[in-house]
Amino acid sequence: MTIIEAALEKTKALRGSRPEPHGQSPAGTRAETNARRLNDTVPLVPPSTQILAHRVAFDPERARENRVLLSSSVPADRGVIAAYGMLRTRILHRARASGWQTVGVTSAAPQDGKSLTAVNLALSMAREKNSVVVLLDLDMRNPSVCRTLGITPPTELRQFFEGGLETPADLFMSIGLDNLLIAGNVTATESSAELLASSRLEELLAYIRNSTTSPVILIDLPPVVSPEDTLVVAPRIDSLVLVASEGKTARAELQKAGELLAEFRVIGLVLNRSSDTVQGYGYGYEYGYQRGGSRDPA
């Protein structure tokens, strides 16, 4: 049995089989069930069980050099921040309507800008202030979130997956935004697929859900065409966003990524370096949202 097959079997055991795409449960359609769930009163997490994040040294200038969008007060950034705001609104609207909490960000190929997209999307969601946003770097072969932000984790996320920590309590960091939690790595590991296939992923996600109120968990994943890491995680999270880069991502790579993700819920396609340039964006980094790029196979 491969790692992916083992992960799928574990997911079935934990969650049970999913309903057919267009079927109905005895209680009604999935949309009706999720709507009722959203109308329920969400219990607040007691302060004693909330996550206490480590405040880490953060250099805004270095982050800006890495094209992190920190504030709309910078005129050159306003256009692209607005574009991320549109992406945020679309994702959160679908997530809240469907009762989803976990969104994975992956790409068709390396160097498509997925980690920067995940960071900027997390910041955009945190600015909304309606949810606790948790950004996890699960690209363990090439961890980039901490490097992009210019921060050093007191405890690396991989240590929890390797069994060096009993609980995830010490993993989370803050850069000063009250409703943004970050957990990541600076050290790469080649055994990432085996680590991600373990039950530690479910333990981590359960801990976050039990220690925050209505969290949005944003996960930076490896490129789809890399070794099987993303395909190990995909069946165990709610949805995926696929990132591509205009003029760089080969059509064959994008097609292959689509085929590999066909069984999972891909809710959007982000097109970086789009020819539809955002006016005045000083870094030369161009962002676009491909119309019609969203699909929901489930």
Protein backbone atom coordinates (compact mmCIF):
# COMPACT_ATOMS: atom_id res chain seq x y z
CA MET A 1 0.00 0.00 0.00
CA THR A 2 1.40 3.40 -0.98
CA ILE A 3 1.55 6.42 1.35
CA ILE A 4 -1.33 8.04 -0.55
CA GLU A 5 -3.48 4.91 -0.31
CA ALA A 6 -2.75 4.66 3.42
CA ALA A 7 -3.74 8.32 3.90
CA LEU A 8 -6.98 7.77 1.99
CA GLU A 9 -7.83 4.72 4.10
CA LYS A 10 -7.09 6.68 7.28
CA THR A 11 -9.31 9.54 6.10
CA LYS A 12 -12.20 7.16 5.40
CA ALA A 13 -11.86 5.66 8.85
CA LEU A 14 -11.83 9.07 10.53
CA ARG A 15 -14.53 10.79 8.52
CA GLY A 16 -16.52 8.03 6.89
CA SER A 17 -17.29 7.94 3.19
CA ARG A 18 -18.27 11.20 1.52
CA PRO A 19 -21.71 11.45 -0.08
CA GLU A 20 -21.99 11.25 -3.82
CA PRO A 21 -21.48 14.63 -5.57
CA HIS A 22 -25.14 15.18 -6.36
CA GLY A 23 -26.75 12.90 -3.77
CA GLN A 24 -28.77 13.85 -0.74
CA SER A 25 -28.43 12.70 2.82
CA PRO A 26 -31.53 11.86 4.86
CA ALA A 27 -31.23 15.26 6.54
CA GLY A 28 -31.26 17.09 3.20
CA THR A 29 -28.63 18.43 0.84
CA ARG A 30 -25.10 19.26 1.93
CA ALA A 31 -25.82 22.98 1.44
CA GLU A 32 -28.85 22.80 3.72
CA THR A 33 -26.88 20.91 6.36
CA ASN A 34 -24.04 23.45 6.24
CA ALA A 35 -26.47 26.35 6.37
CA ARG A 36 -28.02 24.95 9.54
CA ARG A 37 -24.55 24.44 11.00
CA LEU A 38 -23.63 28.07 10.33
CA ASN A 39 -26.81 29.27 12.00
CA ASP A 40 -25.95 27.42 15.19
CA THR A 41 -24.34 29.41 17.97
CA VAL A 42 -20.57 29.00 17.80
CA PRO A 43 -19.20 28.29 21.27
CA LEU A 44 -16.39 30.56 22.36
CA VAL A 45 -13.13 28.94 23.34
CA PRO A 46 -12.33 29.56 27.03
CA PRO A 47 -9.22 31.73 27.55
CA SER A 48 -7.51 28.90 29.39
CA THR A 49 -7.52 26.71 26.27
CA GLN A 50 -6.74 29.37 23.65
CA ILE A 51 -3.46 29.23 21.74
CA LEU A 52 -0.77 31.46 23.24
CA ALA A 53 1.45 32.49 20.35
CA HIS A 54 5.13 33.40 20.67
CA ARG A 55 5.75 36.97 19.59
CA VAL A 56 8.68 36.75 17.17
CA ALA A 57 11.05 39.40 15.84
CA PHE A 58 9.66 40.70 12.58
CA ASP A 59 11.33 43.05 10.10
CA PRO A 60 8.67 44.81 7.98
CA GLU A 61 11.28 46.16 5.57
CA ARG A 62 12.66 42.71 4.83
CA ALA A 63 9.14 41.36 4.41
CA ARG A 64 8.36 44.16 1.99
CA GLU A 65 11.49 43.33 0.00
CA ASN A 66 10.03 39.83 -0.31
CA ARG A 67 6.80 41.38 -1.69
CA VAL A 68 4.72 40.78 1.43
CA LEU A 69 1.73 43.14 1.45
CA LEU A 70 1.58 44.52 4.96
CA SER A 71 -0.46 47.71 4.71
CA SER A 72 -2.76 49.47 2.28
CA SER A 73 -1.17 52.75 3.40
CA VAL A 74 1.54 52.17 0.76
CA PRO A 75 0.00 53.64 -2.43
CA ALA A 76 1.89 51.30 -4.75
CA ASP A 77 0.41 48.25 -3.01
CA ARG A 78 -3.25 49.24 -2.97
CA GLY A 79 -4.19 47.66 -6.28
CA VAL A 80 -2.76 44.26 -5.52
CA ILE A 81 -4.10 44.34 -1.95
CA ALA A 82 -7.54 44.95 -3.46
CA ALA A 83 -7.01 41.95 -5.75
CA TYR A 84 -6.14 39.76 -2.77
CA GLY A 85 -9.20 41.17 -1.02
CA MET A 86 -11.36 39.91 -3.88
CA LEU A 87 -9.75 36.47 -3.70
CA ARG A 88 -10.21 36.45 0.09
CA THR A 89 -13.89 37.35 -0.23
CA ARG A 90 -14.55 34.60 -2.77
CA ILE A 91 -12.79 31.95 -0.72
CA LEU A 92 -14.36 32.95 2.61
CA HIS A 93 -17.82 33.20 1.08
CA ARG A 94 -17.61 29.63 -0.22
CA ALA A 95 -15.96 28.34 2.95
CA ARG A 96 -18.51 29.86 5.30
CA ALA A 97 -21.45 28.80 3.16
CA SER A 98 -20.16 25.23 3.12
CA GLY A 99 -18.78 24.95 6.64
CA TRP A 100 -15.18 24.52 5.45
CA GLN A 101 -12.24 25.47 7.68
CA THR A 102 -9.13 24.22 5.87
CA VAL A 103 -7.80 25.63 2.59
CA GLY A 104 -4.62 24.27 1.01
CA VAL A 105 -2.54 26.41 -1.35
CA THR A 106 -0.56 24.48 -3.94
CA SER A 107 0.89 25.13 -7.38
CA ALA A 108 1.31 23.42 -10.70
CA ALA A 109 5.10 23.64 -10.49
CA PRO A 110 7.91 25.09 -8.34
CA GLN A 111 8.55 28.84 -8.39
CA ASP A 112 4.94 29.72 -9.23
CA GLY A 113 4.63 31.96 -6.15
CA LYS A 114 2.35 29.77 -4.04
CA SER A 115 4.06 30.51 -0.69
CA LEU A 116 3.93 34.27 -1.25
CA THR A 117 0.29 33.87 -2.29
CA ALA A 118 -0.43 31.93 0.92
CA VAL A 119 1.26 34.58 3.08
CA ASN A 120 -0.49 37.53 1.42
CA LEU A 121 -3.83 35.73 1.45
CA ALA A 122 -3.42 35.00 5.18
CA LEU A 123 -2.67 38.67 5.85
CA SER A 124 -5.70 39.71 3.79
CA MET A 125 -7.95 37.31 5.72
CA ALA A 126 -6.54 38.53 9.05
CA ARG A 127 -7.36 42.14 8.11
CA GLU A 128 -11.02 41.16 7.85
CA LYS A 129 -10.94 40.49 11.65
CA ASN A 130 -13.89 38.08 11.57
CA SER A 131 -11.89 34.88 12.04
CA VAL A 132 -8.71 33.60 13.60
CA VAL A 133 -6.44 32.84 10.64
CA VAL A 134 -3.87 30.06 11.09
CA LEU A 135 -1.12 29.80 8.46
CA LEU A 136 0.70 26.45 8.39
CA ASP A 137 3.78 25.73 6.28
CA LEU A 138 3.50 22.06 5.30
CA ASP A 139 5.90 22.36 2.37
CA MET A 140 8.52 20.55 4.43
CA ARG A 141 10.87 19.87 1.53
CA ASN A 142 11.20 23.58 0.80
CA PRO A 143 9.77 25.62 3.70
CA SER A 144 9.25 29.22 2.59
CA VAL A 145 6.70 30.94 4.82
CA CYS A 146 9.14 31.90 7.59
CA ARG A 147 11.77 32.90 5.05
CA THR A 148 9.27 35.07 3.18
CA LEU A 149 8.27 36.85 6.40
CA GLY A 150 11.84 36.98 7.71
CA ILE A 151 10.98 35.25 11.00
CA THR A 152 12.53 32.37 12.95
CA PRO A 153 10.23 29.90 14.75
CA PRO A 154 11.18 29.10 18.37
CA THR A 155 9.88 25.59 17.64
CA GLU A 156 9.66 24.16 14.15
CA LEU A 157 6.49 22.54 12.90
CA ARG A 158 8.37 19.45 11.72
CA GLN A 159 9.36 18.71 15.34
CA PHE A 160 5.73 17.97 16.15
CA PHE A 161 5.39 15.67 13.14
CA GLU A 162 8.62 13.89 14.05
CA GLY A 163 7.26 13.13 17.52
CA GLY A 164 9.53 15.50 19.42
CA LEU A 165 6.57 17.36 20.94
CA GLU A 166 3.60 15.87 22.75
CA THR A 167 1.25 18.71 21.76
CA PRO A 168 1.34 21.52 19.16
CA ALA A 169 1.00 24.19 21.89
CA ASP A 170 4.46 25.74 21.37
CA LEU A 171 4.38 25.87 17.57
CA PHE A 172 2.48 29.07 16.95
CA MET A 173 3.95 32.52 16.32
CA SER A 174 2.61 36.05 16.06
CA ILE A 175 4.02 38.97 14.07
CA GLY A 176 1.76 41.43 15.87
CA LEU A 177 -1.64 40.83 14.26
CA ASP A 178 -4.02 39.65 16.97
CA ASN A 179 -5.95 37.18 14.81
CA LEU A 180 -3.07 35.69 12.77
CA LEU A 181 -1.18 32.60 13.98
CA ILE A 182 1.75 31.13 12.06
CA ALA A 183 3.53 27.79 12.35
CA GLY A 184 6.38 26.81 10.05
CA ASN A 185 9.88 25.52 9.47
CA VAL A 186 13.28 26.74 8.41
CA THR A 187 14.84 23.28 8.12
CA ALA A 188 13.93 21.06 5.16
CA THR A 189 13.23 17.35 5.50
CA GLU A 190 13.19 14.65 2.83
CA SER A 191 10.85 12.42 4.85
CA SER A 192 7.96 14.86 4.57
CA ALA A 193 5.53 12.49 2.82
CA GLU A 194 5.85 9.93 5.61
CA LEU A 195 5.45 12.62 8.27
CA LEU A 196 2.38 14.12 6.62
CA ALA A 197 0.78 10.70 6.18
CA SER A 198 0.82 10.12 9.94
CA SER A 199 -2.04 10.87 12.32
CA ARG A 200 -0.13 13.96 13.49
CA LEU A 201 -1.87 16.04 10.83
CA GLU A 202 -5.31 15.22 12.23
CA GLU A 203 -4.02 15.92 15.74
CA LEU A 204 -2.70 19.33 14.66
CA LEU A 205 -5.91 20.36 12.91
CA ALA A 206 -8.04 19.14 15.83
CA TYR A 207 -5.91 21.10 18.27
CA ILE A 208 -6.36 24.29 16.23
CA ARG A 209 -10.13 23.81 16.00
CA ASN A 210 -10.41 23.18 19.74
CA SER A 211 -8.21 26.13 20.68
CA THR A 212 -9.64 28.86 18.44
CA THR A 213 -13.11 30.14 17.60
CA SER A 214 -14.19 29.54 13.98
CA PRO A 215 -10.65 29.37 12.57
CA VAL A 216 -9.65 29.60 8.92
CA ILE A 217 -6.69 27.26 8.49
CA LEU A 218 -4.59 28.17 5.46
CA ILE A 219 -1.99 25.55 4.49
CA ASP A 220 1.01 26.14 2.25
CA LEU A 221 1.52 22.82 0.42
CA PRO A 222 4.25 21.65 -1.98
CA PRO A 223 3.70 21.85 -5.74
CA VAL A 224 1.39 19.13 -7.00
CA VAL A 225 4.02 17.65 -9.32
CA SER A 226 6.54 17.22 -6.50
CA PRO A 227 6.70 13.91 -4.61
CA GLU A 228 3.36 12.83 -3.20
CA ASP A 229 3.14 15.26 -0.25
CA THR A 230 0.19 17.32 -1.51
CA LEU A 231 -1.75 14.23 -2.57
CA VAL A 232 -1.26 12.81 0.93
CA VAL A 233 -2.78 15.94 2.53
CA ALA A 234 -5.48 16.79 -0.05
CA PRO A 235 -8.07 14.14 0.95
CA ARG A 236 -7.86 15.26 4.58
CA ILE A 237 -8.64 18.96 4.12
CA ASP A 238 -11.72 20.80 2.87
CA SER A 239 -10.52 22.62 -0.23
CA LEU A 240 -7.58 23.64 -2.41
CA VAL A 241 -6.44 26.73 -4.30
CA LEU A 242 -4.14 26.14 -7.27
CA VAL A 243 -1.50 28.75 -8.16
CA ALA A 244 0.02 29.12 -11.63
CA SER A 245 2.34 31.72 -13.15
CA GLU A 246 1.67 33.31 -16.53
CA GLY A 247 4.60 32.96 -18.89
CA LYS A 248 6.27 30.41 -16.63
CA THR A 249 3.93 27.54 -15.84
CA ALA A 250 3.91 25.17 -18.81
CA ARG A 251 0.50 24.17 -20.13
CA ALA A 252 1.45 20.51 -19.67
CA GLU A 253 2.29 21.14 -15.99
CA LEU A 254 -1.03 22.86 -15.38
CA GLN A 255 -2.90 20.07 -17.15
CA LYS A 256 -1.05 17.45 -15.11
CA ALA A 257 -1.85 19.30 -11.88
CA GLY A 258 -5.52 19.39 -12.85
CA GLU A 259 -5.52 15.65 -13.49
CA LEU A 260 -3.83 14.88 -10.17
CA LEU A 261 -6.31 17.08 -8.25
CA ALA A 262 -9.39 15.90 -10.14
CA GLU A 263 -10.70 13.93 -7.15
CA PHE A 264 -10.42 16.87 -4.75
CA ARG A 265 -12.27 20.15 -4.21
CA VAL A 266 -10.35 22.85 -6.11
CA ILE A 267 -12.16 26.12 -5.39
CA GLY A 268 -9.99 28.55 -7.32
CA LEU A 269 -7.07 29.23 -9.61
CA VAL A 270 -4.71 32.12 -8.87
CA LEU A 271 -2.73 33.42 -11.84
CA ASN A 272 0.49 35.18 -10.84
CA ARG A 273 2.37 37.54 -13.13
CA SER A 274 -0.80 38.07 -15.12
CA SER A 275 -0.61 40.22 -18.24
CA ASP A 276 -3.60 42.05 -16.75
CA THR A 277 -1.22 44.19 -14.68
CA VAL A 278 -2.28 45.81 -11.44
CA GLN A 279 -1.54 49.49 -11.94
CA GLY A 280 1.22 51.00 -9.86
CA TYR A 281 2.47 47.86 -8.20
CA GLY A 282 6.08 48.79 -7.63
CA TYR A 283 7.68 45.34 -7.41
CA GLY A 284 6.80 44.18 -10.89
CA TYR A 285 4.91 41.29 -9.31
CA GLU A 286 1.61 40.99 -11.14
CA TYR A 287 -1.46 39.26 -9.82
CA GLY A 288 -4.64 38.10 -11.45
CA TYR A 289 -7.61 35.90 -10.70
CA GLN A 290 -8.53 33.73 -13.67
CA ARG A 291 -12.23 34.04 -14.32
CA GLY A 292 -13.91 30.71 -14.56
CA GLY A 293 -10.96 29.05 -12.87
CA SER A 294 -12.94 27.79 -9.89
CA ARG A 295 -14.50 24.38 -9.85
CA ASP A 296 -15.95 22.17 -7.18
CA PRO A 297 -15.92 18.52 -8.19
CA ALA A 298 -17.67 17.59 -4.96
